[in-house]
PDB file of all heavy atoms in Angstrom:
ATOM      1  N   ALA A   1     -48.096  68.229  25.393  1.00  0.00           N
ATOM      2  CA  ALA A   1     -47.238  69.063  24.539  1.00  0.00           C
ATOM      3  C   ALA A   1     -45.971  69.488  25.118  1.00  0.00           C
ATOM      4  O   ALA A   1     -44.930  69.419  24.620  1.00  0.00           O
ATOM      5  CB  ALA A   1     -48.048  70.276  24.038  1.00  0.00           C
ATOM      6  N   ARG A   2     -46.055  69.838  26.383  1.00  0.00           N
ATOM      7  CA  ARG A   2     -44.909  70.264  27.113  1.00  0.00           C
ATOM      8  C   ARG A   2     -43.822  69.094  27.278  1.00  0.00           C
ATOM      9  O   ARG A   2     -42.638  69.203  27.312  1.00  0.00           O
ATOM     10  CB  ARG A   2     -45.166  70.817  28.475  1.00  0.00           C
ATOM     11  CG  ARG A   2     -45.807  72.207  28.427  1.00  0.00           C
ATOM     12  CD  ARG A   2     -46.378  72.619  29.746  1.00  0.00           C
ATOM     13  NE  ARG A   2     -46.976  74.032  29.644  1.00  0.00           N
ATOM     14  CZ  ARG A   2     -47.727  74.557  30.485  1.00  0.00           C
ATOM     15  NH1 ARG A   2     -48.170  73.828  31.574  1.00  0.00           N
ATOM     16  NH2 ARG A   2     -48.180  75.784  30.332  1.00  0.00           N
ATOM     17  N   SER A   3     -44.410  67.893  27.353  1.00  0.00           N
ATOM     18  CA  SER A   3     -43.513  66.672  27.534  1.00  0.00           C
ATOM     19  C   SER A   3     -42.821  66.460  26.176  1.00  0.00           C
ATOM     20  O   SER A   3     -41.603  66.099  26.241  1.00  0.00           O
ATOM     21  CB  SER A   3     -44.414  65.403  27.870  1.00  0.00           C
ATOM     22  OG  SER A   3     -45.008  65.570  29.106  1.00  0.00           O
ATOM     23  N   LEU A   4     -43.431  66.726  25.146  1.00  0.00           N
ATOM     24  CA  LEU A   4     -42.763  66.635  23.845  1.00  0.00           C
ATOM     25  C   LEU A   4     -41.607  67.618  23.709  1.00  0.00           C
ATOM     26  O   LEU A   4     -40.531  67.450  23.251  1.00  0.00           O
ATOM     27  CB  LEU A   4     -43.737  66.767  22.697  1.00  0.00           C
ATOM     28  CG  LEU A   4     -44.613  65.631  22.415  1.00  0.00           C
ATOM     29  CD1 LEU A   4     -45.578  65.966  21.195  1.00  0.00           C
ATOM     30  CD2 LEU A   4     -43.914  64.335  22.078  1.00  0.00           C
ATOM     31  N   ASP A   5     -41.904  68.885  24.257  1.00  0.00           N
ATOM     32  CA  ASP A   5     -40.908  69.831  24.096  1.00  0.00           C
ATOM     33  C   ASP A   5     -39.641  69.571  25.100  1.00  0.00           C
ATOM     34  O   ASP A   5     -38.601  69.947  24.745  1.00  0.00           O
ATOM     35  CB  ASP A   5     -41.521  71.296  24.630  1.00  0.00           C
ATOM     36  CG  ASP A   5     -42.426  71.872  23.669  1.00  0.00           C
ATOM     37  OD1 ASP A   5     -42.172  71.666  22.373  1.00  0.00           O
ATOM     38  OD2 ASP A   5     -43.277  72.662  24.062  1.00  0.00           O
ATOM     39  N   ALA A   6     -39.943  68.922  26.115  1.00  0.00           N
ATOM     40  CA  ALA A   6     -38.876  68.487  27.130  1.00  0.00           C
ATOM     41  C   ALA A   6     -37.919  67.546  26.417  1.00  0.00           C
ATOM     42  O   ALA A   6     -36.715  67.432  26.700  1.00  0.00           O
ATOM     43  CB  ALA A   6     -39.437  67.918  28.383  1.00  0.00           C
ATOM     44  N   LEU A   7     -38.472  66.708  25.424  1.00  0.00           N
ATOM     45  CA  LEU A   7     -37.618  65.722  24.680  1.00  0.00           C
ATOM     46  C   LEU A   7     -37.071  66.403  23.458  1.00  0.00           C
ATOM     47  O   LEU A   7     -36.286  65.635  22.712  1.00  0.00           O
ATOM     48  CB  LEU A   7     -38.434  64.466  24.424  1.00  0.00           C
ATOM     49  CG  LEU A   7     -38.970  63.818  25.565  1.00  0.00           C
ATOM     50  CD1 LEU A   7     -40.004  62.702  25.060  1.00  0.00           C
ATOM     51  CD2 LEU A   7     -37.877  63.149  26.385  1.00  0.00           C
ATOM     52  N   ASP A   8     -37.496  67.612  23.030  1.00  0.00           N
ATOM     53  CA  ASP A   8     -37.008  68.205  21.804  1.00  0.00           C
ATOM     54  C   ASP A   8     -35.488  68.489  21.760  1.00  0.00           C
ATOM     55  O   ASP A   8     -35.018  69.326  22.558  1.00  0.00           O
ATOM     56  CB  ASP A   8     -37.835  69.451  21.575  1.00  0.00           C
ATOM     57  CG  ASP A   8     -37.466  70.214  20.227  1.00  0.00           C
ATOM     58  OD1 ASP A   8     -36.878  69.471  19.389  1.00  0.00           O
ATOM     59  OD2 ASP A   8     -37.914  71.218  20.023  1.00  0.00           O
ATOM     60  N   ALA A   9     -34.769  67.917  20.753  1.00  0.00           N
ATOM     61  CA  ALA A   9     -33.337  68.178  20.734  1.00  0.00           C
ATOM     62  C   ALA A   9     -33.112  69.580  20.260  1.00  0.00           C
ATOM     63  O   ALA A   9     -31.954  69.994  20.449  1.00  0.00           O
ATOM     64  CB  ALA A   9     -32.748  67.164  19.728  1.00  0.00           C
ATOM     65  N   PHE A  10     -34.010  70.299  19.807  1.00  0.00           N
ATOM     66  CA  PHE A  10     -33.816  71.605  19.323  1.00  0.00           C
ATOM     67  C   PHE A  10     -34.305  72.738  20.252  1.00  0.00           C
ATOM     68  O   PHE A  10     -34.325  73.925  19.858  1.00  0.00           O
ATOM     69  CB  PHE A  10     -34.433  71.741  17.895  1.00  0.00           C
ATOM     70  CG  PHE A  10     -34.014  70.699  16.947  1.00  0.00           C
ATOM     71  CD1 PHE A  10     -34.903  69.722  16.556  1.00  0.00           C
ATOM     72  CD2 PHE A  10     -32.740  70.667  16.472  1.00  0.00           C
ATOM     73  CE1 PHE A  10     -34.485  68.705  15.676  1.00  0.00           C
ATOM     74  CE2 PHE A  10     -32.340  69.690  15.631  1.00  0.00           C
ATOM     75  CZ  PHE A  10     -33.236  68.806  15.181  1.00  0.00           C
ATOM     76  N   ARG A  11     -34.711  72.363  21.466  1.00  0.00           N
ATOM     77  CA  ARG A  11     -35.336  73.335  22.270  1.00  0.00           C
ATOM     78  C   ARG A  11     -34.398  74.582  22.592  1.00  0.00           C
ATOM     79  O   ARG A  11     -34.750  75.690  22.822  1.00  0.00           O
ATOM     80  CB  ARG A  11     -35.862  72.728  23.603  1.00  0.00           C
ATOM     81  CG  ARG A  11     -34.903  72.042  24.456  1.00  0.00           C
ATOM     82  CD  ARG A  11     -35.478  71.265  25.587  1.00  0.00           C
ATOM     83  NE  ARG A  11     -34.524  70.682  26.433  1.00  0.00           N
ATOM     84  CZ  ARG A  11     -33.892  69.397  26.220  1.00  0.00           C
ATOM     85  NH1 ARG A  11     -34.123  68.829  25.105  1.00  0.00           N
ATOM     86  NH2 ARG A  11     -32.981  69.018  27.029  1.00  0.00           N
ATOM     87  N   SER A  12     -33.093  74.283  22.681  1.00  0.00           N
ATOM     88  CA  SER A  12     -32.157  75.375  22.931  1.00  0.00           C
ATOM     89  C   SER A  12     -31.920  76.243  21.728  1.00  0.00           C
ATOM     90  O   SER A  12     -31.520  77.452  21.934  1.00  0.00           O
ATOM     91  CB  SER A  12     -30.818  74.731  23.403  1.00  0.00           C
ATOM     92  OG  SER A  12     -30.211  74.061  22.475  1.00  0.00           O
ATOM     93  N   ILE A  13     -32.277  75.763  20.546  1.00  0.00           N
ATOM     94  CA  ILE A  13     -32.056  76.508  19.352  1.00  0.00           C
ATOM     95  C   ILE A  13     -32.940  77.777  19.392  1.00  0.00           C
ATOM     96  O   ILE A  13     -32.698  78.832  18.779  1.00  0.00           O
ATOM     97  CB  ILE A  13     -32.334  75.660  18.085  1.00  0.00           C
ATOM     98  CG1 ILE A  13     -31.355  74.418  17.969  1.00  0.00           C
ATOM     99  CG2 ILE A  13     -32.205  76.524  16.799  1.00  0.00           C
ATOM    100  CD1 ILE A  13     -29.895  74.820  17.774  1.00  0.00           C
ATOM    101  N   ARG A  14     -34.157  77.675  20.039  1.00  0.00           N
ATOM    102  CA  ARG A  14     -35.002  78.727  20.150  1.00  0.00           C
ATOM    103  C   ARG A  14     -34.371  80.012  20.681  1.00  0.00           C
ATOM    104  O   ARG A  14     -34.719  81.155  20.383  1.00  0.00           O
ATOM    105  CB  ARG A  14     -36.227  78.254  20.952  1.00  0.00           C
ATOM    106  CG  ARG A  14     -37.396  79.353  21.005  1.00  0.00           C
ATOM    107  CD  ARG A  14     -38.588  78.749  21.949  1.00  0.00           C
ATOM    108  NE  ARG A  14     -39.646  79.696  22.097  1.00  0.00           N
ATOM    109  CZ  ARG A  14     -40.774  79.589  21.570  1.00  0.00           C
ATOM    110  NH1 ARG A  14     -40.996  78.753  20.644  1.00  0.00           N
ATOM    111  NH2 ARG A  14     -41.726  80.451  21.757  1.00  0.00           N
ATOM    112  N   ASP A  15     -33.324  79.809  21.511  1.00  0.00           N
ATOM    113  CA  ASP A  15     -32.606  80.944  22.103  1.00  0.00           C
ATOM    114  C   ASP A  15     -31.855  81.681  21.074  1.00  0.00           C
ATOM    115  O   ASP A  15     -31.286  82.740  21.368  1.00  0.00           O
ATOM    116  CB  ASP A  15     -31.667  80.473  23.319  1.00  0.00           C
ATOM    117  CG  ASP A  15     -32.469  79.879  24.372  1.00  0.00           C
ATOM    118  OD1 ASP A  15     -33.642  80.226  24.548  1.00  0.00           O
ATOM    119  OD2 ASP A  15     -31.890  79.017  25.182  1.00  0.00           O
ATOM    120  N   ARG A  16     -31.654  81.119  19.871  1.00  0.00           N
ATOM    121  CA  ARG A  16     -31.014  81.856  18.795  1.00  0.00           C
ATOM    122  C   ARG A  16     -31.799  82.993  18.136  1.00  0.00           C
ATOM    123  O   ARG A  16     -31.240  83.727  17.371  1.00  0.00           O
ATOM    124  CB  ARG A  16     -30.565  80.911  17.810  1.00  0.00           C
ATOM    125  CG  ARG A  16     -29.432  79.797  18.213  1.00  0.00           C
ATOM    126  CD  ARG A  16     -28.991  78.892  17.086  1.00  0.00           C
ATOM    127  NE  ARG A  16     -28.142  77.938  17.494  1.00  0.00           N
ATOM    128  CZ  ARG A  16     -27.437  77.000  16.839  1.00  0.00           C
ATOM    129  NH1 ARG A  16     -27.769  76.948  15.471  1.00  0.00           N
ATOM    130  NH2 ARG A  16     -26.683  76.055  17.400  1.00  0.00           N
ATOM    131  N   PHE A  17     -33.064  83.119  18.654  1.00  0.00           N
ATOM    132  CA  PHE A  17     -33.937  84.018  18.136  1.00  0.00           C
ATOM    133  C   PHE A  17     -34.414  85.082  19.232  1.00  0.00           C
ATOM    134  O   PHE A  17     -34.574  84.644  20.242  1.00  0.00           O
ATOM    135  CB  PHE A  17     -35.153  83.310  17.447  1.00  0.00           C
ATOM    136  CG  PHE A  17     -34.709  82.448  16.270  1.00  0.00           C
ATOM    137  CD1 PHE A  17     -34.367  81.222  16.503  1.00  0.00           C
ATOM    138  CD2 PHE A  17     -34.777  82.975  14.989  1.00  0.00           C
ATOM    139  CE1 PHE A  17     -34.032  80.356  15.387  1.00  0.00           C
ATOM    140  CE2 PHE A  17     -34.403  82.218  13.932  1.00  0.00           C
ATOM    141  CZ  PHE A  17     -33.921  80.900  14.088  1.00  0.00           C
ATOM    142  N   SER A  18     -34.716  86.277  18.700  1.00  0.00           N
ATOM    143  CA  SER A  18     -35.390  87.257  19.536  1.00  0.00           C
ATOM    144  C   SER A  18     -36.886  87.251  19.260  1.00  0.00           C
ATOM    145  O   SER A  18     -37.459  87.931  18.475  1.00  0.00           O
ATOM    146  CB  SER A  18     -34.781  88.629  19.306  1.00  0.00           C
ATOM    147  OG  SER A  18     -33.462  88.713  19.660  1.00  0.00           O
ATOM    148  N   LEU A  19     -37.599  86.419  20.006  1.00  0.00           N
ATOM    149  CA  LEU A  19     -38.993  86.208  19.781  1.00  0.00           C
ATOM    150  C   LEU A  19     -39.783  87.074  20.792  1.00  0.00           C
ATOM    151  O   LEU A  19     -39.503  87.181  22.004  1.00  0.00           O
ATOM    152  CB  LEU A  19     -39.423  84.753  19.900  1.00  0.00           C
ATOM    153  CG  LEU A  19     -38.907  83.867  18.828  1.00  0.00           C
ATOM    154  CD1 LEU A  19     -38.962  82.340  19.298  1.00  0.00           C
ATOM    155  CD2 LEU A  19     -39.854  84.068  17.606  1.00  0.00           C
ATOM    156  N   PRO A  20     -40.830  87.846  20.312  1.00  0.00           N
ATOM    157  CA  PRO A  20     -41.612  88.643  21.218  1.00  0.00           C
ATOM    158  C   PRO A  20     -42.283  87.758  22.390  1.00  0.00           C
ATOM    159  O   PRO A  20     -42.671  86.644  22.021  1.00  0.00           O
ATOM    160  CB  PRO A  20     -42.643  89.342  20.325  1.00  0.00           C
ATOM    161  CG  PRO A  20     -42.124  89.218  18.949  1.00  0.00           C
ATOM    162  CD  PRO A  20     -41.331  87.986  18.943  1.00  0.00           C
ATOM    163  N   GLU A  21     -42.319  88.270  23.578  1.00  0.00           N
ATOM    164  CA  GLU A  21     -42.960  87.568  24.682  1.00  0.00           C
ATOM    165  C   GLU A  21     -44.471  87.678  24.326  1.00  0.00           C
ATOM    166  O   GLU A  21     -45.124  88.474  23.780  1.00  0.00           O
ATOM    167  CB  GLU A  21     -42.730  88.296  25.974  1.00  0.00           C
ATOM    168  CG  GLU A  21     -41.180  88.113  26.435  1.00  0.00           C
ATOM    169  CD  GLU A  21     -41.025  88.739  27.736  1.00  0.00           C
ATOM    170  OE1 GLU A  21     -41.937  89.077  28.416  1.00  0.00           O
ATOM    171  OE2 GLU A  21     -39.830  88.733  28.228  1.00  0.00           O
ATOM    172  N   LYS A  22     -45.134  86.586  24.867  1.00  0.00           N
ATOM    173  CA  LYS A  22     -46.641  86.542  24.749  1.00  0.00           C
ATOM    174  C   LYS A  22     -47.086  86.412  23.306  1.00  0.00           C
ATOM    175  O   LYS A  22     -48.280  86.883  22.985  1.00  0.00           O
ATOM    176  CB  LYS A  22     -47.340  87.609  25.625  1.00  0.00           C
ATOM    177  CG  LYS A  22     -46.993  87.520  27.093  1.00  0.00           C
ATOM    178  CD  LYS A  22     -47.689  88.562  27.830  1.00  0.00           C
ATOM    179  CE  LYS A  22     -47.368  88.430  29.364  1.00  0.00           C
ATOM    180  NZ  LYS A  22     -48.020  89.529  30.111  1.00  0.00           N
ATOM    181  N   MET A  23     -46.332  85.996  22.453  1.00  0.00           N
ATOM    182  CA  MET A  23     -46.626  85.737  20.938  1.00  0.00           C
ATOM    183  C   MET A  23     -46.317  84.374  20.555  1.00  0.00           C
ATOM    184  O   MET A  23     -45.337  83.991  20.810  1.00  0.00           O
ATOM    185  CB  MET A  23     -46.027  86.861  20.023  1.00  0.00           C
ATOM    186  CG  MET A  23     -46.298  86.678  18.663  1.00  0.00           C
ATOM    187  SD  MET A  23     -45.414  87.750  17.526  1.00  0.00           S
ATOM    188  CE  MET A  23     -46.005  89.277  17.863  1.00  0.00           C
ATOM    189  N   ILE A  24     -47.327  83.775  19.830  1.00  0.00           N
ATOM    190  CA  ILE A  24     -47.074  82.568  19.129  1.00  0.00           C
ATOM    191  C   ILE A  24     -46.912  82.851  17.755  1.00  0.00           C
ATOM    192  O   ILE A  24     -47.845  83.128  17.046  1.00  0.00           O
ATOM    193  CB  ILE A  24     -48.156  81.443  19.418  1.00  0.00           C
ATOM    194  CG1 ILE A  24     -48.323  81.257  20.962  1.00  0.00           C
ATOM    195  CG2 ILE A  24     -47.936  80.221  18.639  1.00  0.00           C
ATOM    196  CD1 ILE A  24     -49.587  80.430  21.327  1.00  0.00           C
ATOM    197  N   TYR A  25     -45.708  82.794  17.217  1.00  0.00           N
ATOM    198  CA  TYR A  25     -45.456  83.286  15.855  1.00  0.00           C
ATOM    199  C   TYR A  25     -45.469  82.015  14.965  1.00  0.00           C
ATOM    200  O   TYR A  25     -44.545  81.091  15.033  1.00  0.00           O
ATOM    201  CB  TYR A  25     -44.081  83.935  15.792  1.00  0.00           C
ATOM    202  CG  TYR A  25     -43.734  84.555  14.467  1.00  0.00           C
ATOM    203  CD1 TYR A  25     -44.610  85.671  14.058  1.00  0.00           C
ATOM    204  CD2 TYR A  25     -42.883  84.143  13.577  1.00  0.00           C
ATOM    205  CE1 TYR A  25     -44.402  86.275  12.805  1.00  0.00           C
ATOM    206  CE2 TYR A  25     -42.698  84.768  12.413  1.00  0.00           C
ATOM    207  CZ  TYR A  25     -43.452  85.867  12.011  1.00  0.00           C
ATOM    208  OH  TYR A  25     -43.239  86.388  10.768  1.00  0.00           O
ATOM    209  N   LEU A  26     -46.500  82.022  14.013  1.00  0.00           N
ATOM    210  CA  LEU A  26     -46.680  80.903  13.143  1.00  0.00           C
ATOM    211  C   LEU A  26     -46.714  81.480  11.672  1.00  0.00           C
ATOM    212  O   LEU A  26     -47.530  81.079  10.794  1.00  0.00           O
ATOM    213  CB  LEU A  26     -48.073  80.141  13.378  1.00  0.00           C
ATOM    214  CG  LEU A  26     -48.056  79.577  14.840  1.00  0.00           C
ATOM    215  CD1 LEU A  26     -49.445  78.864  15.066  1.00  0.00           C
ATOM    216  CD2 LEU A  26     -46.949  78.642  15.235  1.00  0.00           C
ATOM    217  N   ASP A  27     -45.722  82.408  11.371  1.00  0.00           N
ATOM    218  CA  ASP A  27     -45.800  83.035  10.145  1.00  0.00           C
ATOM    219  C   ASP A  27     -44.263  82.959   9.639  1.00  0.00           C
ATOM    220  O   ASP A  27     -43.979  83.886   8.699  1.00  0.00           O
ATOM    221  CB  ASP A  27     -46.319  84.511  10.165  1.00  0.00           C
ATOM    222  CG  ASP A  27     -46.978  84.806   8.825  1.00  0.00           C
ATOM    223  OD1 ASP A  27     -46.935  84.062   7.877  1.00  0.00           O
ATOM    224  OD2 ASP A  27     -47.226  86.025   8.611  1.00  0.00           O
ATOM    225  N   GLY A  28     -43.460  82.131  10.132  1.00  0.00           N
ATOM    226  CA  GLY A  28     -42.051  82.170   9.513  1.00  0.00           C
ATOM    227  C   GLY A  28     -41.980  81.663   8.088  1.00  0.00           C
ATOM    228  O   GLY A  28     -41.058  81.871   7.433  1.00  0.00           O
ATOM    229  N   ASN A  29     -43.108  81.211   7.510  1.00  0.00           N
ATOM    230  CA  ASN A  29     -43.195  80.869   6.126  1.00  0.00           C
ATOM    231  C   ASN A  29     -43.371  82.120   5.266  1.00  0.00           C
ATOM    232  O   ASN A  29     -43.275  82.064   4.000  1.00  0.00           O
ATOM    233  CB  ASN A  29     -44.321  79.946   5.816  1.00  0.00           C
ATOM    234  CG  ASN A  29     -45.666  80.419   6.405  1.00  0.00           C
ATOM    235  OD1 ASN A  29     -45.763  80.699   7.584  1.00  0.00           O
ATOM    236  ND2 ASN A  29     -46.761  80.359   5.521  1.00  0.00           N
ATOM    237  N   SER A  30     -43.634  83.269   5.903  1.00  0.00           N
ATOM    238  CA  SER A  30     -43.744  84.594   5.144  1.00  0.00           C
ATOM    239  C   SER A  30     -42.490  85.408   5.562  1.00  0.00           C
ATOM    240  O   SER A  30     -41.940  86.120   4.662  1.00  0.00           O
ATOM    241  CB  SER A  30     -45.061  85.265   5.526  1.00  0.00           C
ATOM    242  OG  SER A  30     -46.158  84.736   4.844  1.00  0.00           O
ATOM    243  N   LEU A  31     -42.212  85.478   6.833  1.00  0.00           N
ATOM    244  CA  LEU A  31     -41.072  86.235   7.400  1.00  0.00           C
ATOM    245  C   LEU A  31     -40.530  85.597   8.527  1.00  0.00           C
ATOM    246  O   LEU A  31     -41.166  85.516   9.541  1.00  0.00           O
ATOM    247  CB  LEU A  31     -41.508  87.704   7.623  1.00  0.00           C
ATOM    248  CG  LEU A  31     -40.395  88.615   8.330  1.00  0.00           C
ATOM    249  CD1 LEU A  31     -39.271  88.815   7.267  1.00  0.00           C
ATOM    250  CD2 LEU A  31     -40.889  89.990   8.795  1.00  0.00           C
ATOM    251  N   GLY A  32     -39.317  85.127   8.430  1.00  0.00           N
ATOM    252  CA  GLY A  32     -38.572  84.436   9.629  1.00  0.00           C
ATOM    253  C   GLY A  32     -38.428  85.401  10.807  1.00  0.00           C
ATOM    254  O   GLY A  32     -38.324  86.573  10.628  1.00  0.00           O
ATOM    255  N   ALA A  33     -38.319  84.782  11.869  1.00  0.00           N
ATOM    256  CA  ALA A  33     -38.066  85.585  13.136  1.00  0.00           C
ATOM    257  C   ALA A  33     -36.594  86.145  13.083  1.00  0.00           C
ATOM    258  O   ALA A  33     -35.793  85.757  12.323  1.00  0.00           O
ATOM    259  CB  ALA A  33     -38.299  84.740  14.305  1.00  0.00           C
ATOM    260  N   LEU A  34     -36.506  87.231  14.027  1.00  0.00           N
ATOM    261  CA  LEU A  34     -35.107  87.812  14.011  1.00  0.00           C
ATOM    262  C   LEU A  34     -34.189  86.991  14.817  1.00  0.00           C
ATOM    263  O   LEU A  34     -34.368  86.771  16.050  1.00  0.00           O
ATOM    264  CB  LEU A  34     -35.386  89.186  14.825  1.00  0.00           C
ATOM    265  CG  LEU A  34     -34.084  89.995  15.093  1.00  0.00           C
ATOM    266  CD1 LEU A  34     -33.409  90.469  13.871  1.00  0.00           C
ATOM    267  CD2 LEU A  34     -34.456  91.186  16.002  1.00  0.00           C
ATOM    268  N   PRO A  35     -32.979  86.673  14.237  1.00  0.00           N
ATOM    269  CA  PRO A  35     -32.025  85.875  14.938  1.00  0.00           C
ATOM    270  C   PRO A  35     -31.442  86.964  16.006  1.00  0.00           C
ATOM    271  O   PRO A  35     -31.251  88.082  15.797  1.00  0.00           O
ATOM    272  CB  PRO A  35     -30.996  85.529  13.921  1.00  0.00           C
ATOM    273  CG  PRO A  35     -31.672  85.533  12.740  1.00  0.00           C
ATOM    274  CD  PRO A  35     -32.745  86.547  12.839  1.00  0.00           C
ATOM    275  N   ALA A  36     -31.035  86.461  17.114  1.00  0.00           N
ATOM    276  CA  ALA A  36     -30.546  87.252  18.257  1.00  0.00           C
ATOM    277  C   ALA A  36     -29.228  87.874  17.820  1.00  0.00           C
ATOM    278  O   ALA A  36     -28.881  89.045  18.384  1.00  0.00           O
ATOM    279  CB  ALA A  36     -30.343  86.394  19.487  1.00  0.00           C
ATOM    280  N   ASP A  37     -28.452  87.288  17.017  1.00  0.00           N
ATOM    281  CA  ASP A  37     -27.166  87.802  16.565  1.00  0.00           C
ATOM    282  C   ASP A  37     -27.220  88.852  15.558  1.00  0.00           C
ATOM    283  O   ASP A  37     -26.195  89.493  15.174  1.00  0.00           O
ATOM    284  CB  ASP A  37     -26.240  86.627  15.978  1.00  0.00           C
ATOM    285  CG  ASP A  37     -25.807  85.629  17.112  1.00  0.00           C
ATOM    286  OD1 ASP A  37     -25.873  86.077  18.289  1.00  0.00           O
ATOM    287  OD2 ASP A  37     -25.385  84.580  16.874  1.00  0.00           O
ATOM    288  N   THR A  38     -28.405  89.035  14.885  1.00  0.00           N
ATOM    289  CA  THR A  38     -28.490  89.957  13.672  1.00  0.00           C
ATOM    290  C   THR A  38     -28.238  91.435  14.101  1.00  0.00           C
ATOM    291  O   THR A  38     -27.455  92.195  13.343  1.00  0.00           O
ATOM    292  CB  THR A  38     -29.878  89.830  12.962  1.00  0.00           C
ATOM    293  OG1 THR A  38     -29.950  88.520  12.549  1.00  0.00           O
ATOM    294  CG2 THR A  38     -29.955  90.770  11.855  1.00  0.00           C
ATOM    295  N   LEU A  39     -28.786  91.917  15.213  1.00  0.00           N
ATOM    296  CA  LEU A  39     -28.724  93.343  15.529  1.00  0.00           C
ATOM    297  C   LEU A  39     -27.248  93.709  15.809  1.00  0.00           C
ATOM    298  O   LEU A  39     -26.672  94.670  15.230  1.00  0.00           O
ATOM    299  CB  LEU A  39     -29.620  93.680  16.745  1.00  0.00           C
ATOM    300  CG  LEU A  39     -30.938  93.959  16.396  1.00  0.00           C
ATOM    301  CD1 LEU A  39     -31.797  94.152  17.642  1.00  0.00           C
ATOM    302  CD2 LEU A  39     -31.146  95.136  15.439  1.00  0.00           C
ATOM    303  N   PRO A  40     -26.558  92.863  16.658  1.00  0.00           N
ATOM    304  CA  PRO A  40     -25.082  93.260  16.882  1.00  0.00           C
ATOM    305  C   PRO A  40     -24.301  93.107  15.569  1.00  0.00           C
ATOM    306  O   PRO A  40     -23.346  93.929  15.374  1.00  0.00           O
ATOM    307  CB  PRO A  40     -24.659  92.318  17.986  1.00  0.00           C
ATOM    308  CG  PRO A  40     -25.676  91.268  18.071  1.00  0.00           C
ATOM    309  CD  PRO A  40     -26.927  91.886  17.561  1.00  0.00           C
ATOM    310  N   ARG A  41     -24.582  92.182  14.781  1.00  0.00           N
ATOM    311  CA  ARG A  41     -23.773  92.025  13.584  1.00  0.00           C
ATOM    312  C   ARG A  41     -24.148  93.191  12.523  1.00  0.00           C
ATOM    313  O   ARG A  41     -23.035  93.787  11.988  1.00  0.00           O
ATOM    314  CB  ARG A  41     -24.182  90.731  12.710  1.00  0.00           C
ATOM    315  CG  ARG A  41     -23.614  90.479  11.368  1.00  0.00           C
ATOM    316  CD  ARG A  41     -22.105  90.492  11.512  1.00  0.00           C
ATOM    317  NE  ARG A  41     -21.464  90.406  10.204  1.00  0.00           N
ATOM    318  CZ  ARG A  41     -20.466  91.084   9.878  1.00  0.00           C
ATOM    319  NH1 ARG A  41     -19.768  91.908  10.679  1.00  0.00           N
ATOM    320  NH2 ARG A  41     -19.839  90.899   8.632  1.00  0.00           N
TER     321      ARG A  41
END
């Protein structure tokens, strides 16, 4: 699985979000994660 992530063209996009540590969030179909730019905006 990590090998697939290393090839993922979108791996850096994850940094656009403020995701809690030690959580695997699989509910973006109900409530999307917080973008990192939202609070300052």
